[in-house]
Amino acid sequence: MLKTFSHATRAAAFALAASAALSLAPAALAQQPPQNQQQQQEQQRAQKKKLQASSNFAQYAGRDASNRLIAGGATRGNLTDEAGQLSQKGQDAYEAGKYDEAIAAFRRVTEMKPDNAKAFYHLGVSYETAGRYKEAVEAYKKAAGLSESKETLALRAISYYNMGNAYAADNKPKQAAEAYKQVIALAPDQAVAHYNLGLAYAAAEQPQDAVAEFKQAIKLKADYAEAFFNLGITYGNLGQYGDAAAAFKRAAEIKPDYADAHYNLGLAYLALDDQTSALAEIKTLETLNKTLAARLKSLSQ
């Protein structure tokens, strides 16, 4: 529907700083009276489902990145007029990594064309890329508010989408979730919007809602490895290690070289007291990431 949506090309730039790692640290053991052999065995089995603090599952896979500038169109206008020339100057500065210059140019365009949604959208993109998230949000809000017609529906959805990413980068997951929900209301078939909404819910400590959104992302995009991975993380947070293992396994099947998926799958197997399967993941990791292989091996002993 919205072909302008694309998968992350700048995931590192917009990594979810507030993502919660899966903590499985056991409570400190108090002194206890002697137990018979059966009680000791039961206690040992229970403890194997709680890994030490250093064994946390990897953090959530990163958020899908914001869309960038839209080439051509109304903000370019006639390059002989001042607004068109400024817009071209802003785009050239943005592509050259000169974000302050891009911001200045696009801000001037919005002053000259205060009803131009795309000008505010480009200003928002420039602010966001420069790490000025609060200003980016305001520019995206303006762009979304000016994109009311059917012809500008796509721009409105993308403005809300980028707004959600700016809120998330500014550690405001609840506001991010509201922005992503606006995207879904406009374009319910966008898997990346459900995926990012799932991450926002996870950061806001709403794991059940996160599960629902990751599942919806997978329903729309069956080979969405990162969605399966994050579904596994969320299930792990809920203590549903069997479901976590199934999700990590599917992520690893889709992307066989996904080292974090194999590592977390191994951790889930350890939590389920499945040493044989955990050892198989260690063996796989030895060819993908020796550091993770060594870490998982130490936890299995």
Protein backbone atom coordinates (compact mmCIF):
# COMPACT_ATOMS: atom_id res chain seq x y z
CA MET A 1 0.00 0.00 0.00
CA LEU A 2 2.64 2.53 1.06
CA LYS A 3 5.57 1.57 -1.10
CA THR A 4 7.61 4.35 0.48
CA PHE A 5 8.02 2.25 3.62
CA SER A 6 11.28 0.30 3.59
CA HIS A 7 13.28 -1.83 6.02
CA ALA A 8 16.01 -0.34 8.14
CA THR A 9 18.97 1.10 6.31
CA ARG A 10 20.05 3.02 9.36
CA ALA A 11 19.06 0.70 12.18
CA ALA A 12 22.23 1.52 14.10
CA ALA A 13 21.41 5.23 14.04
CA PHE A 14 18.01 4.59 15.51
CA ALA A 15 18.74 1.64 17.83
CA LEU A 16 16.17 1.42 20.59
CA ALA A 17 18.09 2.79 23.54
CA ALA A 18 15.35 1.91 25.98
CA SER A 19 15.03 -1.75 24.99
CA ALA A 20 14.81 -4.05 28.01
CA ALA A 21 17.08 -7.10 28.06
CA LEU A 22 15.62 -10.31 29.41
CA SER A 23 16.68 -10.70 33.04
CA LEU A 24 16.65 -14.19 34.53
CA ALA A 25 18.70 -13.65 37.68
CA PRO A 26 17.79 -15.93 40.59
CA ALA A 27 17.01 -14.59 44.00
CA ALA A 28 19.70 -15.03 46.62
CA LEU A 29 19.39 -18.31 48.43
CA ALA A 30 18.83 -18.09 52.17
CA GLN A 31 20.11 -20.71 54.54
CA GLN A 32 17.78 -23.69 54.48
CA PRO A 33 17.45 -26.84 56.60
CA PRO A 34 18.76 -30.15 55.24
CA GLN A 35 16.61 -31.71 52.50
CA ASN A 36 16.15 -35.22 51.32
CA GLN A 37 17.55 -36.29 47.94
CA GLN A 38 14.24 -35.88 46.08
CA GLN A 39 13.76 -32.35 47.36
CA GLN A 40 17.32 -31.44 46.37
CA GLN A 41 16.79 -32.79 42.84
CA GLU A 42 13.56 -30.82 42.46
CA GLN A 43 15.28 -27.67 43.65
CA GLN A 44 18.14 -28.20 41.19
CA ARG A 45 15.72 -28.63 38.30
CA ALA A 46 13.90 -25.44 39.26
CA GLN A 47 17.15 -23.50 39.53
CA LYS A 48 18.22 -24.54 36.03
CA LYS A 49 15.31 -22.49 34.72
CA LYS A 50 16.83 -19.37 36.24
CA LEU A 51 20.09 -18.33 34.67
CA GLN A 52 22.62 -16.11 36.32
CA ALA A 53 22.43 -12.37 35.68
CA SER A 54 25.31 -12.33 33.19
CA SER A 55 23.39 -14.67 30.90
CA ASN A 56 20.65 -12.25 29.91
CA PHE A 57 19.09 -12.75 26.52
CA ALA A 58 20.39 -10.29 23.95
CA GLN A 59 18.56 -6.99 23.65
CA TYR A 60 15.66 -6.51 21.31
CA ALA A 61 16.52 -6.25 17.63
CA GLY A 62 16.55 -2.63 16.51
CA ARG A 63 13.66 -0.52 15.37
CA ASP A 64 12.92 -0.20 11.66
CA ALA A 65 14.43 3.12 10.60
CA SER A 66 12.62 6.28 9.56
CA ASN A 67 11.94 7.12 5.96
CA ARG A 68 14.14 9.82 4.50
CA LEU A 69 13.56 12.68 2.10
CA ILE A 70 11.06 12.36 -0.71
CA ALA A 71 12.67 13.35 -4.00
CA GLY A 72 10.86 15.83 -6.20
CA GLY A 73 7.34 17.04 -5.63
CA ALA A 74 5.84 20.16 -4.20
CA THR A 75 8.74 21.35 -2.08
CA ARG A 76 11.03 21.41 -5.07
CA GLY A 77 8.57 23.48 -7.08
CA ASN A 78 10.01 25.54 -9.86
CA LEU A 79 13.74 25.76 -9.23
CA THR A 80 13.62 29.32 -10.49
CA ASP A 81 11.62 30.42 -7.43
CA GLU A 82 13.26 30.95 -4.07
CA ALA A 83 11.38 28.20 -2.24
CA GLY A 84 12.27 25.64 -4.88
CA GLN A 85 15.92 26.64 -4.77
CA LEU A 86 15.97 26.48 -0.98
CA SER A 87 14.37 23.05 -1.01
CA GLN A 88 17.00 21.81 -3.46
CA LYS A 89 19.69 23.33 -1.25
CA GLY A 90 18.23 21.54 1.77
CA GLN A 91 18.15 18.18 0.00
CA ASP A 92 21.72 18.59 -1.23
CA ALA A 93 22.89 19.53 2.28
CA TYR A 94 21.05 16.56 3.79
CA GLU A 95 22.60 14.09 1.36
CA ALA A 96 26.02 15.58 2.14
CA GLY A 97 25.48 15.04 5.87
CA LYS A 98 25.26 18.77 6.57
CA TYR A 99 22.15 18.54 8.67
CA ASP A 100 22.28 22.01 10.24
CA GLU A 101 22.35 23.52 6.76
CA ALA A 102 19.49 21.28 5.68
CA ILE A 103 17.46 22.31 8.72
CA ALA A 104 18.03 25.99 8.01
CA ALA A 105 16.98 25.59 4.38
CA PHE A 106 13.87 23.53 5.06
CA ARG A 107 12.83 25.77 7.95
CA ARG A 108 12.96 28.71 5.57
CA VAL A 109 10.83 26.80 3.06
CA THR A 110 8.19 26.16 5.73
CA GLU A 111 8.14 29.88 6.49
CA MET A 112 7.61 30.66 2.81
CA LYS A 113 5.11 27.81 2.27
CA PRO A 114 3.39 27.28 5.64
CA ASP A 115 0.73 25.02 4.09
CA ASN A 116 3.20 22.65 2.43
CA ALA A 117 3.16 19.30 4.25
CA LYS A 118 6.20 17.93 2.47
CA ALA A 119 8.32 20.91 3.55
CA PHE A 120 7.53 20.17 7.20
CA TYR A 121 8.16 16.47 6.61
CA HIS A 122 11.62 17.19 5.20
CA LEU A 123 12.32 19.50 8.13
CA GLY A 124 11.32 16.69 10.50
CA VAL A 125 13.60 14.19 8.76
CA SER A 126 16.51 16.61 9.04
CA TYR A 127 15.86 17.28 12.72
CA GLU A 128 15.54 13.56 13.46
CA THR A 129 18.74 12.64 11.64
CA ALA A 130 20.53 15.38 13.59
CA GLY A 131 19.26 13.88 16.86
CA ARG A 132 16.95 16.81 17.61
CA TYR A 133 13.97 14.61 18.38
CA LYS A 134 11.62 17.06 20.07
CA GLU A 135 11.86 19.45 17.13
CA ALA A 136 11.45 16.52 14.74
CA VAL A 137 8.22 15.50 16.46
CA GLU A 138 6.78 19.00 16.10
CA ALA A 139 7.67 19.14 12.41
CA TYR A 140 6.13 15.71 11.79
CA LYS A 141 2.98 16.75 13.66
CA LYS A 142 2.67 19.74 11.37
CA ALA A 143 3.23 17.58 8.28
CA ALA A 144 0.62 15.06 9.41
CA GLY A 145 -1.89 17.80 10.16
CA LEU A 146 -1.46 19.29 6.69
CA SER A 147 -1.78 15.91 4.96
CA GLU A 148 -5.53 15.49 5.19
CA SER A 149 -6.42 14.82 1.57
CA LYS A 150 -6.56 11.39 -0.05
CA GLU A 151 -3.66 12.39 -2.29
CA THR A 152 -1.40 13.02 0.70
CA LEU A 153 -2.46 9.99 2.75
CA ALA A 154 0.92 8.30 2.28
CA LEU A 155 2.80 11.37 3.48
CA ARG A 156 0.57 11.58 6.55
CA ALA A 157 1.22 7.94 7.44
CA ILE A 158 4.97 8.32 6.95
CA SER A 159 4.97 11.47 9.08
CA TYR A 160 3.33 9.59 11.94
CA TYR A 161 5.73 6.69 11.43
CA ASN A 162 8.81 8.90 11.65
CA MET A 163 7.20 10.73 14.58
CA GLY A 164 6.99 7.42 16.41
CA ASN A 165 10.65 6.76 15.76
CA ALA A 166 11.59 10.21 17.03
CA TYR A 167 9.58 9.67 20.22
CA ALA A 168 11.21 6.25 20.70
CA ALA A 169 14.69 7.68 20.19
CA ASP A 170 13.82 10.32 22.81
CA ASN A 171 12.89 7.51 25.25
CA LYS A 172 9.15 8.21 25.12
CA PRO A 173 7.71 4.78 24.28
CA LYS A 174 4.10 5.57 25.18
CA GLN A 175 4.01 8.54 22.83
CA ALA A 176 5.79 6.45 20.21
CA ALA A 177 3.10 3.80 20.52
CA GLU A 178 0.36 6.37 19.93
CA ALA A 179 2.11 7.60 16.78
CA TYR A 180 2.54 4.07 15.42
CA LYS A 181 -1.14 3.39 16.08
CA GLN A 182 -1.96 6.35 13.86
CA VAL A 183 0.11 4.75 11.10
CA ILE A 184 -1.73 1.46 11.50
CA ALA A 185 -5.10 3.23 11.37
CA LEU A 186 -4.07 4.68 8.00
CA ALA A 187 -2.16 1.67 6.67
CA PRO A 188 -2.98 -1.52 8.62
CA ASP A 189 -1.03 -3.75 6.24
CA GLN A 190 2.38 -2.26 7.09
CA ALA A 191 4.35 -4.93 8.96
CA VAL A 192 7.07 -2.49 10.05
CA ALA A 193 4.52 -0.30 11.83
CA HIS A 194 3.27 -3.26 13.88
CA TYR A 195 6.89 -4.29 14.53
CA ASN A 196 7.88 -0.86 15.83
CA LEU A 197 4.67 -0.66 17.87
CA GLY A 198 5.65 -3.97 19.45
CA LEU A 199 9.02 -2.51 20.43
CA ALA A 200 7.34 0.57 21.89
CA TYR A 201 5.03 -1.62 23.97
CA ALA A 202 8.01 -3.70 25.13
CA ALA A 203 9.86 -0.56 26.22
CA ALA A 204 6.71 0.64 28.00
CA GLU A 205 6.56 -2.68 29.90
CA GLN A 206 3.41 -3.88 28.14
CA PRO A 207 4.64 -7.34 27.09
CA GLN A 208 1.26 -8.83 26.20
CA ASP A 209 0.58 -5.96 23.81
CA ALA A 210 4.09 -6.37 22.40
CA VAL A 211 3.42 -10.06 21.71
CA ALA A 212 0.23 -9.20 19.84
CA GLU A 213 2.00 -6.65 17.63
CA PHE A 214 4.98 -8.88 16.84
CA LYS A 215 2.54 -11.64 15.89
CA GLN A 216 0.67 -9.24 13.61
CA ALA A 217 3.94 -8.18 11.97
CA ILE A 218 4.71 -11.86 11.34
CA LYS A 219 1.22 -12.45 9.95
CA LEU A 220 1.83 -9.68 7.42
CA LYS A 221 5.43 -10.71 6.68
CA ALA A 222 6.02 -14.40 7.31
CA ASP A 223 9.81 -14.19 6.94
CA TYR A 224 10.26 -11.30 9.40
CA ALA A 225 13.21 -12.74 11.35
CA GLU A 226 13.57 -9.73 13.64
CA ALA A 227 9.90 -9.92 14.59
CA PHE A 228 10.28 -13.59 15.52
CA PHE A 229 13.43 -12.70 17.49
CA ASN A 230 11.70 -9.95 19.46
CA LEU A 231 8.69 -12.19 20.01
CA GLY A 232 11.12 -14.65 21.61
CA ILE A 233 12.58 -11.95 23.85
CA THR A 234 9.11 -10.92 24.98
CA TYR A 235 8.00 -14.48 25.66
CA GLY A 236 11.17 -14.92 27.70
CA ASN A 237 10.29 -11.85 29.76
CA LEU A 238 6.96 -13.52 30.46
CA GLY A 239 8.67 -16.75 31.52
CA GLN A 240 7.21 -18.65 28.56
CA TYR A 241 10.47 -20.34 27.60
CA GLY A 242 8.92 -22.95 25.32
CA ASP A 243 7.26 -20.22 23.25
CA ALA A 244 10.49 -18.21 23.36
CA ALA A 245 12.47 -21.18 22.02
CA ALA A 246 9.98 -21.68 19.19
CA ALA A 247 10.24 -18.02 18.18
CA PHE A 248 14.04 -17.95 18.31
CA LYS A 249 14.18 -21.18 16.33
CA ARG A 250 12.02 -19.68 13.58
CA ALA A 251 14.22 -16.56 13.46
CA ALA A 252 17.29 -18.77 13.06
CA GLU A 253 15.59 -20.81 10.33
CA ILE A 254 14.81 -17.67 8.36
CA LYS A 255 18.32 -16.27 8.85
CA PRO A 256 20.69 -19.20 9.51
CA ASP A 257 23.59 -16.82 10.24
CA TYR A 258 21.60 -14.88 12.87
CA ALA A 259 24.03 -15.45 15.74
CA ASP A 260 21.94 -13.67 18.39
CA ALA A 261 18.97 -15.87 17.52
CA HIS A 262 21.05 -19.03 17.96
CA TYR A 263 22.49 -17.70 21.23
CA ASN A 264 19.08 -16.85 22.66
CA LEU A 265 17.70 -20.15 21.45
CA GLY A 266 20.47 -21.84 23.40
CA LEU A 267 19.58 -19.82 26.50
CA ALA A 268 15.94 -20.79 26.14
CA TYR A 269 16.93 -24.45 25.90
CA LEU A 270 19.01 -24.08 29.07
CA ALA A 271 16.02 -22.51 30.82
CA LEU A 272 14.03 -25.57 29.72
CA ASP A 273 16.79 -27.89 30.98
CA ASP A 274 17.39 -29.17 27.43
CA GLN A 275 21.16 -29.57 27.47
CA THR A 276 21.31 -31.55 24.23
CA SER A 277 19.61 -28.85 22.18
CA ALA A 278 21.66 -26.14 23.89
CA LEU A 279 24.87 -27.94 22.94
CA ALA A 280 23.70 -28.05 19.32
CA GLU A 281 23.34 -24.26 19.37
CA ILE A 282 26.82 -23.92 20.87
CA LYS A 283 28.19 -25.97 17.98
CA THR A 284 26.41 -23.75 15.46
CA LEU A 285 27.69 -20.60 17.16
CA GLU A 286 31.27 -21.81 16.97
CA THR A 287 31.12 -21.10 13.24
CA LEU A 288 29.14 -17.85 13.55
CA ASN A 289 30.35 -16.07 16.67
CA LYS A 290 32.99 -17.66 18.88
CA THR A 291 32.42 -15.14 21.67
CA LEU A 292 28.74 -16.04 21.97
CA ALA A 293 29.60 -19.72 21.65
CA ALA A 294 32.03 -19.48 24.58
CA ARG A 295 29.53 -17.53 26.67
CA LEU A 296 26.75 -20.04 26.07
CA LYS A 297 29.10 -22.94 26.74
CA SER A 298 30.13 -21.47 30.10
CA LEU A 299 26.48 -21.12 31.08
CA SER A 300 25.72 -24.71 30.17
CA GLN A 301 28.31 -26.14 32.56
